[in-house]
Amino acid sequence: MAKQSWITRNQRKARTVAKYAKLREKLKAEKDYDGLTLLPRDASPTRVVNRCEVTGRRRGYLRRFRMSRITFREMASHGLIPGVTKSSW
């Protein structure tokens, strides 16, 4: 489980990105790069990290299921993810 402070920080970054999204698009369309540099650093969408919805882990993230590979495997083994079965050949 990730520290709560890391999860909270990432949520704050996501809110900042949403807040400045329209302004960033407008500045980019006008090619006003000086104006972009005046925005907060966390206003950039690349600062937001994909994190597991269950544990908050950032590595091994599966976008389709919005969780880490470890959590995905545990939940799939317990049958908690619809449509996912363990493969065998």
PDB file of N, CA and C in Angstrom:
ATOM      1  N   MET A   1       0.844  -1.183   0.000  1.00  0.00           N
ATOM      2  CA  MET A   1       0.000   0.000   0.000  1.00  0.00           C
ATOM      3  C   MET A   1       0.886   1.242   0.000  1.00  0.00           C
ATOM      4  N   ALA A   2       0.581   2.160  -0.886  1.00  0.00           N
ATOM      5  CA  ALA A   2       1.335   3.404  -0.974  1.00  0.00           C
ATOM      6  C   ALA A   2       0.997   4.293   0.223  1.00  0.00           C
ATOM      7  N   LYS A   3       1.938   5.176   0.553  1.00  0.00           N
ATOM      8  CA  LYS A   3       1.675   6.107   1.636  1.00  0.00           C
ATOM      9  C   LYS A   3       0.515   7.017   1.253  1.00  0.00           C
ATOM     10  N   GLN A   4      -0.275   7.359   2.210  1.00  0.00           N
ATOM     11  CA  GLN A   4      -1.453   8.201   1.957  1.00  0.00           C
ATOM     12  C   GLN A   4      -1.038   9.563   1.413  1.00  0.00           C
ATOM     13  N   SER A   5       0.128  10.059   1.821  1.00  0.00           N
ATOM     14  CA  SER A   5       0.581  11.362   1.352  1.00  0.00           C
ATOM     15  C   SER A   5       0.851  11.358  -0.154  1.00  0.00           C
ATOM     16  N   TRP A   6       1.374  10.233  -0.678  1.00  0.00           N
ATOM     17  CA  TRP A   6       1.622  10.128  -2.120  1.00  0.00           C
ATOM     18  C   TRP A   6       0.308  10.110  -2.895  1.00  0.00           C
ATOM     19  N   ILE A   7      -0.662   9.381  -2.375  1.00  0.00           N
ATOM     20  CA  ILE A   7      -1.970   9.298  -3.036  1.00  0.00           C
ATOM     21  C   ILE A   7      -2.650  10.661  -3.028  1.00  0.00           C
ATOM     22  N   THR A   8      -2.607  11.342  -1.893  1.00  0.00           N
ATOM     23  CA  THR A   8      -3.212  12.665  -1.767  1.00  0.00           C
ATOM     24  C   THR A   8      -2.528  13.668  -2.689  1.00  0.00           C
ATOM     25  N   ARG A   9      -1.213  13.603  -2.771  1.00  0.00           N
ATOM     26  CA  ARG A   9      -0.454  14.513  -3.630  1.00  0.00           C
ATOM     27  C   ARG A   9      -0.848  14.315  -5.094  1.00  0.00           C
ATOM     28  N   ASN A  10      -1.013  13.064  -5.494  1.00  0.00           N
ATOM     29  CA  ASN A  10      -1.394  12.782  -6.873  1.00  0.00           C
ATOM     30  C   ASN A  10      -2.810  13.290  -7.169  1.00  0.00           C
ATOM     31  N   GLN A  11      -3.713  13.182  -6.206  1.00  0.00           N
ATOM     32  CA  GLN A  11      -5.066  13.701  -6.390  1.00  0.00           C
ATOM     33  C   GLN A  11      -5.058  15.221  -6.509  1.00  0.00           C
ATOM     34  N   ARG A  12      -4.196  15.868  -5.735  1.00  0.00           N
ATOM     35  CA  ARG A  12      -4.072  17.320  -5.805  1.00  0.00           C
ATOM     36  C   ARG A  12      -3.547  17.741  -7.177  1.00  0.00           C
ATOM     37  N   LYS A  13      -2.581  16.982  -7.704  1.00  0.00           N
ATOM     38  CA  LYS A  13      -2.052  17.274  -9.035  1.00  0.00           C
ATOM     39  C   LYS A  13      -3.139  17.121 -10.096  1.00  0.00           C
ATOM     40  N   ALA A  14      -3.967  16.103  -9.961  1.00  0.00           N
ATOM     41  CA  ALA A  14      -5.052  15.883 -10.931  1.00  0.00           C
ATOM     42  C   ALA A  14      -6.048  17.042 -10.898  1.00  0.00           C
ATOM     43  N   ARG A  15      -6.345  17.552  -9.704  1.00  0.00           N
ATOM     44  CA  ARG A  15      -7.245  18.708  -9.599  1.00  0.00           C
ATOM     45  C   ARG A  15      -6.626  19.942 -10.243  1.00  0.00           C
ATOM     46  N   THR A  16      -5.323  20.137 -10.054  1.00  0.00           N
ATOM     47  CA  THR A  16      -4.633  21.287 -10.638  1.00  0.00           C
ATOM     48  C   THR A  16      -4.630  21.201 -12.154  1.00  0.00           C
ATOM     49  N   VAL A  17      -4.413  20.011 -12.686  1.00  0.00           N
ATOM     50  CA  VAL A  17      -4.449  19.818 -14.141  1.00  0.00           C
ATOM     51  C   VAL A  17      -5.823  20.180 -14.685  1.00  0.00           C
ATOM     52  N   ALA A  18      -6.877  19.710 -14.018  1.00  0.00           N
ATOM     53  CA  ALA A  18      -8.239  20.001 -14.467  1.00  0.00           C
ATOM     54  C   ALA A  18      -8.542  21.499 -14.395  1.00  0.00           C
ATOM     55  N   LYS A  19      -8.020  22.150 -13.368  1.00  0.00           N
ATOM     56  CA  LYS A  19      -8.282  23.580 -13.170  1.00  0.00           C
ATOM     57  C   LYS A  19      -7.671  24.425 -14.293  1.00  0.00           C
ATOM     58  N   TYR A  20      -6.467  24.068 -14.731  1.00  0.00           N
ATOM     59  CA  TYR A  20      -5.751  24.876 -15.717  1.00  0.00           C
ATOM     60  C   TYR A  20      -5.832  24.316 -17.138  1.00  0.00           C
ATOM     61  N   ALA A  21      -6.645  23.298 -17.384  1.00  0.00           N
ATOM     62  CA  ALA A  21      -6.685  22.648 -18.699  1.00  0.00           C
ATOM     63  C   ALA A  21      -7.083  23.611 -19.810  1.00  0.00           C
ATOM     64  N   LYS A  22      -8.157  24.359 -19.622  1.00  0.00           N
ATOM     65  CA  LYS A  22      -8.627  25.280 -20.663  1.00  0.00           C
ATOM     66  C   LYS A  22      -7.611  26.393 -20.920  1.00  0.00           C
ATOM     67  N   LEU A  23      -7.040  26.914 -19.864  1.00  0.00           N
ATOM     68  CA  LEU A  23      -6.054  27.980 -20.005  1.00  0.00           C
ATOM     69  C   LEU A  23      -4.810  27.475 -20.735  1.00  0.00           C
ATOM     70  N   ARG A  24      -4.380  26.255 -20.425  1.00  0.00           N
ATOM     71  CA  ARG A  24      -3.220  25.664 -21.102  1.00  0.00           C
ATOM     72  C   ARG A  24      -3.494  25.488 -22.594  1.00  0.00           C
ATOM     73  N   GLU A  25      -4.690  25.011 -22.940  1.00  0.00           N
ATOM     74  CA  GLU A  25      -5.036  24.847 -24.356  1.00  0.00           C
ATOM     75  C   GLU A  25      -5.034  26.186 -25.086  1.00  0.00           C
ATOM     76  N   LYS A  26      -5.573  27.209 -24.432  1.00  0.00           N
ATOM     77  CA  LYS A  26      -5.617  28.539 -25.035  1.00  0.00           C
ATOM     78  C   LYS A  26      -4.207  29.079 -25.257  1.00  0.00           C
ATOM     79  N   LEU A  27      -3.340  28.933 -24.262  1.00  0.00           N
ATOM     80  CA  LEU A  27      -1.968  29.425 -24.385  1.00  0.00           C
ATOM     81  C   LEU A  27      -1.193  28.649 -25.448  1.00  0.00           C
ATOM     82  N   LYS A  28      -1.441  27.353 -25.537  1.00  0.00           N
ATOM     83  CA  LYS A  28      -0.762  26.552 -26.553  1.00  0.00           C
ATOM     84  C   LYS A  28      -1.224  26.938 -27.954  1.00  0.00           C
ATOM     85  N   ALA A  29      -2.524  27.200 -28.103  1.00  0.00           N
ATOM     86  CA  ALA A  29      -3.047  27.604 -29.413  1.00  0.00           C
ATOM     87  C   ALA A  29      -2.454  28.939 -29.853  1.00  0.00           C
ATOM     88  N   GLU A  30      -2.234  29.833 -28.897  1.00  0.00           N
ATOM     89  CA  GLU A  30      -1.646  31.144 -29.199  1.00  0.00           C
ATOM     90  C   GLU A  30      -0.127  31.078 -29.274  1.00  0.00           C
ATOM     91  N   LYS A  31       0.435  29.926 -28.968  1.00  0.00           N
ATOM     92  CA  LYS A  31       1.888  29.724 -28.922  1.00  0.00           C
ATOM     93  C   LYS A  31       2.560  30.692 -27.951  1.00  0.00           C
ATOM     94  N   ASP A  32       1.889  30.915 -26.829  1.00  0.00           N
ATOM     95  CA  ASP A  32       2.396  31.800 -25.775  1.00  0.00           C
ATOM     96  C   ASP A  32       3.149  30.949 -24.745  1.00  0.00           C
ATOM     97  N   TYR A  33       4.397  30.654 -25.058  1.00  0.00           N
ATOM     98  CA  TYR A  33       5.165  29.769 -24.192  1.00  0.00           C
ATOM     99  C   TYR A  33       5.635  30.476 -22.919  1.00  0.00           C
ATOM    100  N   ASP A  34       5.746  31.786 -22.978  1.00  0.00           N
ATOM    101  CA  ASP A  34       6.074  32.519 -21.756  1.00  0.00           C
ATOM    102  C   ASP A  34       4.918  32.440 -20.761  1.00  0.00           C
ATOM    103  N   GLY A  35       3.696  32.502 -21.275  1.00  0.00           N
ATOM    104  CA  GLY A  35       2.524  32.358 -20.415  1.00  0.00           C
ATOM    105  C   GLY A  35       2.421  30.967 -19.820  1.00  0.00           C
ATOM    106  N   LEU A  36       2.817  29.956 -20.593  1.00  0.00           N
ATOM    107  CA  LEU A  36       2.793  28.581 -20.078  1.00  0.00           C
ATOM    108  C   LEU A  36       3.784  28.398 -18.935  1.00  0.00           C
ATOM    109  N   THR A  37       4.921  29.068 -19.026  1.00  0.00           N
ATOM    110  CA  THR A  37       5.923  28.918 -17.958  1.00  0.00           C
ATOM    111  C   THR A  37       5.468  29.564 -16.656  1.00  0.00           C
ATOM    112  N   LEU A  38       4.520  30.501 -16.753  1.00  0.00           N
ATOM    113  CA  LEU A  38       4.026  31.164 -15.547  1.00  0.00           C
ATOM    114  C   LEU A  38       2.992  30.320 -14.796  1.00  0.00           C
ATOM    115  N   LEU A  39       2.466  29.292 -15.456  1.00  0.00           N
ATOM    116  CA  LEU A  39       1.503  28.410 -14.796  1.00  0.00           C
ATOM    117  C   LEU A  39       2.220  27.544 -13.750  1.00  0.00           C
ATOM    118  N   PRO A  40       1.483  27.014 -12.793  1.00  0.00           N
ATOM    119  CA  PRO A  40       2.111  26.124 -11.809  1.00  0.00           C
ATOM    120  C   PRO A  40       2.687  24.879 -12.489  1.00  0.00           C
ATOM    121  N   ARG A  41       3.728  24.350 -11.929  1.00  0.00           N
ATOM    122  CA  ARG A  41       4.379  23.173 -12.501  1.00  0.00           C
ATOM    123  C   ARG A  41       3.439  21.976 -12.525  1.00  0.00           C
ATOM    124  N   ASP A  42       2.593  21.858 -11.513  1.00  0.00           N
ATOM    125  CA  ASP A  42       1.666  20.727 -11.437  1.00  0.00           C
ATOM    126  C   ASP A  42       0.484  20.857 -12.393  1.00  0.00           C
ATOM    127  N   ALA A  43       0.419  21.941 -13.158  1.00  0.00           N
ATOM    128  CA  ALA A  43      -0.664  22.096 -14.131  1.00  0.00           C
ATOM    129  C   ALA A  43      -0.430  21.256 -15.384  1.00  0.00           C
ATOM    130  N   SER A  44       0.751  20.703 -15.513  1.00  0.00           N
ATOM    131  CA  SER A  44       1.063  19.861 -16.669  1.00  0.00           C
ATOM    132  C   SER A  44       0.502  18.457 -16.465  1.00  0.00           C
ATOM    133  N   PRO A  45      -0.196  17.908 -17.474  1.00  0.00           N
ATOM    134  CA  PRO A  45      -0.798  16.574 -17.311  1.00  0.00           C
ATOM    135  C   PRO A  45       0.224  15.459 -17.128  1.00  0.00           C
ATOM    136  N   THR A  46       1.468  15.692 -17.544  1.00  0.00           N
ATOM    137  CA  THR A  46       2.473  14.638 -17.393  1.00  0.00           C
ATOM    138  C   THR A  46       2.912  14.451 -15.947  1.00  0.00           C
ATOM    139  N   ARG A  47       2.542  15.376 -15.079  1.00  0.00           N
ATOM    140  CA  ARG A  47       2.917  15.257 -13.664  1.00  0.00           C
ATOM    141  C   ARG A  47       2.018  14.285 -12.900  1.00  0.00           C
ATOM    142  N   VAL A  48       0.851  13.971 -13.463  1.00  0.00           N
ATOM    143  CA  VAL A  48      -0.077  13.051 -12.803  1.00  0.00           C
ATOM    144  C   VAL A  48       0.365  11.619 -13.103  1.00  0.00           C
ATOM    145  N   VAL A  49       0.418  10.805 -12.064  1.00  0.00           N
ATOM    146  CA  VAL A  49       0.880   9.426 -12.185  1.00  0.00           C
ATOM    147  C   VAL A  49      -0.321   8.495 -12.101  1.00  0.00           C
ATOM    148  N   ASN A  50      -0.351   7.470 -12.973  1.00  0.00           N
ATOM    149  CA  ASN A  50      -1.397   6.463 -12.885  1.00  0.00           C
ATOM    150  C   ASN A  50      -1.154   5.624 -11.642  1.00  0.00           C
ATOM    151  N   ARG A  51      -2.157   5.524 -10.789  1.00  0.00           N
ATOM    152  CA  ARG A  51      -2.028   4.744  -9.561  1.00  0.00           C
ATOM    153  C   ARG A  51      -3.155   3.746  -9.445  1.00  0.00           C
ATOM    154  N   CYS A  52      -2.860   2.625  -8.796  1.00  0.00           N
ATOM    155  CA  CYS A  52      -3.844   1.573  -8.566  1.00  0.00           C
ATOM    156  C   CYS A  52      -4.982   2.129  -7.713  1.00  0.00           C
ATOM    157  N   GLU A  53      -6.211   1.823  -8.113  1.00  0.00           N
ATOM    158  CA  GLU A  53      -7.384   2.304  -7.375  1.00  0.00           C
ATOM    159  C   GLU A  53      -7.472   1.665  -5.987  1.00  0.00           C
ATOM    160  N   VAL A  54      -6.942   0.470  -5.839  1.00  0.00           N
ATOM    161  CA  VAL A  54      -7.079  -0.268  -4.590  1.00  0.00           C
ATOM    162  C   VAL A  54      -5.927   0.029  -3.636  1.00  0.00           C
ATOM    163  N   THR A  55      -4.688  -0.099  -4.124  1.00  0.00           N
ATOM    164  CA  THR A  55      -3.525   0.010  -3.245  1.00  0.00           C
ATOM    165  C   THR A  55      -2.761   1.313  -3.377  1.00  0.00           C
ATOM    166  N   GLY A  56      -2.910   2.009  -4.503  1.00  0.00           N
ATOM    167  CA  GLY A  56      -2.165   3.241  -4.720  1.00  0.00           C
ATOM    168  C   GLY A  56      -0.794   3.009  -5.335  1.00  0.00           C
ATOM    169  N   ARG A  57      -0.482   1.775  -5.682  1.00  0.00           N
ATOM    170  CA  ARG A  57       0.808   1.446  -6.282  1.00  0.00           C
ATOM    171  C   ARG A  57       0.895   2.072  -7.673  1.00  0.00           C
ATOM    172  N   ARG A  58       2.076   2.597  -8.033  1.00  0.00           N
ATOM    173  CA  ARG A  58       2.211   3.255  -9.327  1.00  0.00           C
ATOM    174  C   ARG A  58       2.929   2.404 -10.355  1.00  0.00           C
ATOM    175  N   ARG A  59       3.679   1.445  -9.930  1.00  0.00           N
ATOM    176  CA  ARG A  59       4.391   0.581 -10.878  1.00  0.00           C
ATOM    177  C   ARG A  59       3.528  -0.624 -11.244  1.00  0.00           C
ATOM    178  N   GLY A  60       3.694  -1.117 -12.454  1.00  0.00           N
ATOM    179  CA  GLY A  60       2.928  -2.272 -12.897  1.00  0.00           C
ATOM    180  C   GLY A  60       1.455  -1.966 -13.035  1.00  0.00           C
ATOM    181  N   TYR A  61       1.133  -0.770 -13.518  1.00  0.00           N
ATOM    182  CA  TYR A  61      -0.252  -0.307 -13.627  1.00  0.00           C
ATOM    183  C   TYR A  61      -0.868  -0.801 -14.927  1.00  0.00           C
ATOM    184  N   LEU A  62      -2.057  -1.392 -14.847  1.00  0.00           N
ATOM    185  CA  LEU A  62      -2.799  -1.842 -16.020  1.00  0.00           C
ATOM    186  C   LEU A  62      -3.912  -0.833 -16.287  1.00  0.00           C
ATOM    187  N   ARG A  63      -3.799  -0.100 -17.389  1.00  0.00           N
ATOM    188  CA  ARG A  63      -4.765   0.966 -17.678  1.00  0.00           C
ATOM    189  C   ARG A  63      -6.179   0.439 -17.855  1.00  0.00           C
ATOM    190  N   ARG A  64      -6.301  -0.687 -18.508  1.00  0.00           N
ATOM    191  CA  ARG A  64      -7.631  -1.213 -18.805  1.00  0.00           C
ATOM    192  C   ARG A  64      -8.438  -1.486 -17.537  1.00  0.00           C
ATOM    193  N   PHE A  65      -7.768  -1.925 -16.491  1.00  0.00           N
ATOM    194  CA  PHE A  65      -8.450  -2.276 -15.244  1.00  0.00           C
ATOM    195  C   PHE A  65      -8.220  -1.255 -14.133  1.00  0.00           C
ATOM    196  N   ARG A  66      -7.369  -0.262 -14.378  1.00  0.00           N
ATOM    197  CA  ARG A  66      -7.056   0.798 -13.419  1.00  0.00           C
ATOM    198  C   ARG A  66      -6.556   0.263 -12.086  1.00  0.00           C
ATOM    199  N   MET A  67      -5.711  -0.771 -12.164  1.00  0.00           N
ATOM    200  CA  MET A  67      -5.108  -1.322 -10.951  1.00  0.00           C
ATOM    201  C   MET A  67      -3.750  -1.911 -11.271  1.00  0.00           C
ATOM    202  N   SER A  68      -2.987  -2.200 -10.234  1.00  0.00           N
ATOM    203  CA  SER A  68      -1.654  -2.755 -10.434  1.00  0.00           C
ATOM    204  C   SER A  68      -1.751  -4.233 -10.779  1.00  0.00           C
ATOM    205  N   ARG A  69      -0.677  -4.760 -11.313  1.00  0.00           N
ATOM    206  CA  ARG A  69      -0.651  -6.159 -11.743  1.00  0.00           C
ATOM    207  C   ARG A  69      -0.851  -7.108 -10.568  1.00  0.00           C
ATOM    208  N   ILE A  70      -0.371  -6.743  -9.402  1.00  0.00           N
ATOM    209  CA  ILE A  70      -0.489  -7.605  -8.229  1.00  0.00           C
ATOM    210  C   ILE A  70      -1.938  -7.664  -7.766  1.00  0.00           C
ATOM    211  N   THR A  71      -2.565  -6.511  -7.657  1.00  0.00           N
ATOM    212  CA  THR A  71      -3.967  -6.451  -7.255  1.00  0.00           C
ATOM    213  C   THR A  71      -4.851  -7.141  -8.289  1.00  0.00           C
ATOM    214  N   PHE A  72      -4.523  -6.929  -9.575  1.00  0.00           N
ATOM    215  CA  PHE A  72      -5.289  -7.563 -10.642  1.00  0.00           C
ATOM    216  C   PHE A  72      -5.238  -9.080 -10.507  1.00  0.00           C
ATOM    217  N   ARG A  73      -4.048  -9.609 -10.270  1.00  0.00           N
ATOM    218  CA  ARG A  73      -3.897 -11.064 -10.177  1.00  0.00           C
ATOM    219  C   ARG A  73      -4.672 -11.630  -8.987  1.00  0.00           C
ATOM    220  N   GLU A  74      -4.595 -10.942  -7.849  1.00  0.00           N
ATOM    221  CA  GLU A  74      -5.317 -11.398  -6.662  1.00  0.00           C
ATOM    222  C   GLU A  74      -6.827 -11.383  -6.893  1.00  0.00           C
ATOM    223  N   MET A  75      -7.329 -10.287  -7.445  1.00  0.00           N
ATOM    224  CA  MET A  75      -8.766 -10.167  -7.659  1.00  0.00           C
ATOM    225  C   MET A  75      -9.263 -11.127  -8.736  1.00  0.00           C
ATOM    226  N   ALA A  76      -8.453 -11.336  -9.779  1.00  0.00           N
ATOM    227  CA  ALA A  76      -8.839 -12.267 -10.838  1.00  0.00           C
ATOM    228  C   ALA A  76      -8.865 -13.696 -10.304  1.00  0.00           C
ATOM    229  N   SER A  77      -7.926 -14.038  -9.447  1.00  0.00           N
ATOM    230  CA  SER A  77      -7.887 -15.388  -8.879  1.00  0.00           C
ATOM    231  C   SER A  77      -9.095 -15.656  -7.989  1.00  0.00           C
ATOM    232  N   HIS A  78      -9.585 -14.613  -7.334  1.00  0.00           N
ATOM    233  CA  HIS A  78     -10.753 -14.752  -6.465  1.00  0.00           C
ATOM    234  C   HIS A  78     -12.061 -14.594  -7.233  1.00  0.00           C
ATOM    235  N   GLY A  79     -11.970 -14.305  -8.533  1.00  0.00           N
ATOM    236  CA  GLY A  79     -13.164 -14.157  -9.354  1.00  0.00           C
ATOM    237  C   GLY A  79     -13.893 -12.844  -9.150  1.00  0.00           C
ATOM    238  N   LEU A  80     -13.185 -11.805  -8.737  1.00  0.00           N
ATOM    239  CA  LEU A  80     -13.820 -10.520  -8.453  1.00  0.00           C
ATOM    240  C   LEU A  80     -13.870  -9.590  -9.668  1.00  0.00           C
ATOM    241  N   ILE A  81     -13.199  -9.980 -10.773  1.00  0.00           N
ATOM    242  CA  ILE A  81     -13.211  -9.166 -11.978  1.00  0.00           C
ATOM    243  C   ILE A  81     -14.024  -9.905 -13.032  1.00  0.00           C
ATOM    244  N   PRO A  82     -15.161  -9.362 -13.439  1.00  0.00           N
ATOM    245  CA  PRO A  82     -16.013 -10.056 -14.402  1.00  0.00           C
ATOM    246  C   PRO A  82     -15.330 -10.222 -15.749  1.00  0.00           C
ATOM    247  N   GLY A  83     -15.490 -11.392 -16.340  1.00  0.00           N
ATOM    248  CA  GLY A  83     -14.964 -11.664 -17.666  1.00  0.00           C
ATOM    249  C   GLY A  83     -13.515 -12.074 -17.711  1.00  0.00           C
ATOM    250  N   VAL A  84     -12.854 -12.146 -16.571  1.00  0.00           N
ATOM    251  CA  VAL A  84     -11.434 -12.505 -16.542  1.00  0.00           C
ATOM    252  C   VAL A  84     -11.311 -13.915 -15.964  1.00  0.00           C
ATOM    253  N   THR A  85     -10.678 -14.796 -16.720  1.00  0.00           N
ATOM    254  CA  THR A  85     -10.431 -16.155 -16.235  1.00  0.00           C
ATOM    255  C   THR A  85      -8.965 -16.486 -16.381  1.00  0.00           C
ATOM    256  N   LYS A  86      -8.505 -17.386 -15.591  1.00  0.00           N
ATOM    257  CA  LYS A  86      -7.108 -17.799 -15.654  1.00  0.00           C
ATOM    258  C   LYS A  86      -6.932 -18.672 -16.888  1.00  0.00           C
ATOM    259  N   SER A  87      -5.907 -18.361 -17.658  1.00  0.00           N
ATOM    260  CA  SER A  87      -5.692 -19.126 -18.881  1.00  0.00           C
ATOM    261  C   SER A  87      -4.889 -20.383 -18.576  1.00  0.00           C
ATOM    262  N   SER A  88      -5.136 -21.410 -19.379  1.00  0.00           N
ATOM    263  CA  SER A  88      -4.365 -22.641 -19.264  1.00  0.00           C
ATOM    264  C   SER A  88      -4.272 -23.261 -20.646  1.00  0.00           C
ATOM    265  N   TRP A  89      -3.170 -23.935 -20.933  1.00  0.00           N
ATOM    266  CA  TRP A  89      -3.004 -24.573 -22.228  1.00  0.00           C
ATOM    267  C   TRP A  89      -2.193 -25.813 -22.138  1.00  0.00           C
TER     268      TRP A  89
END
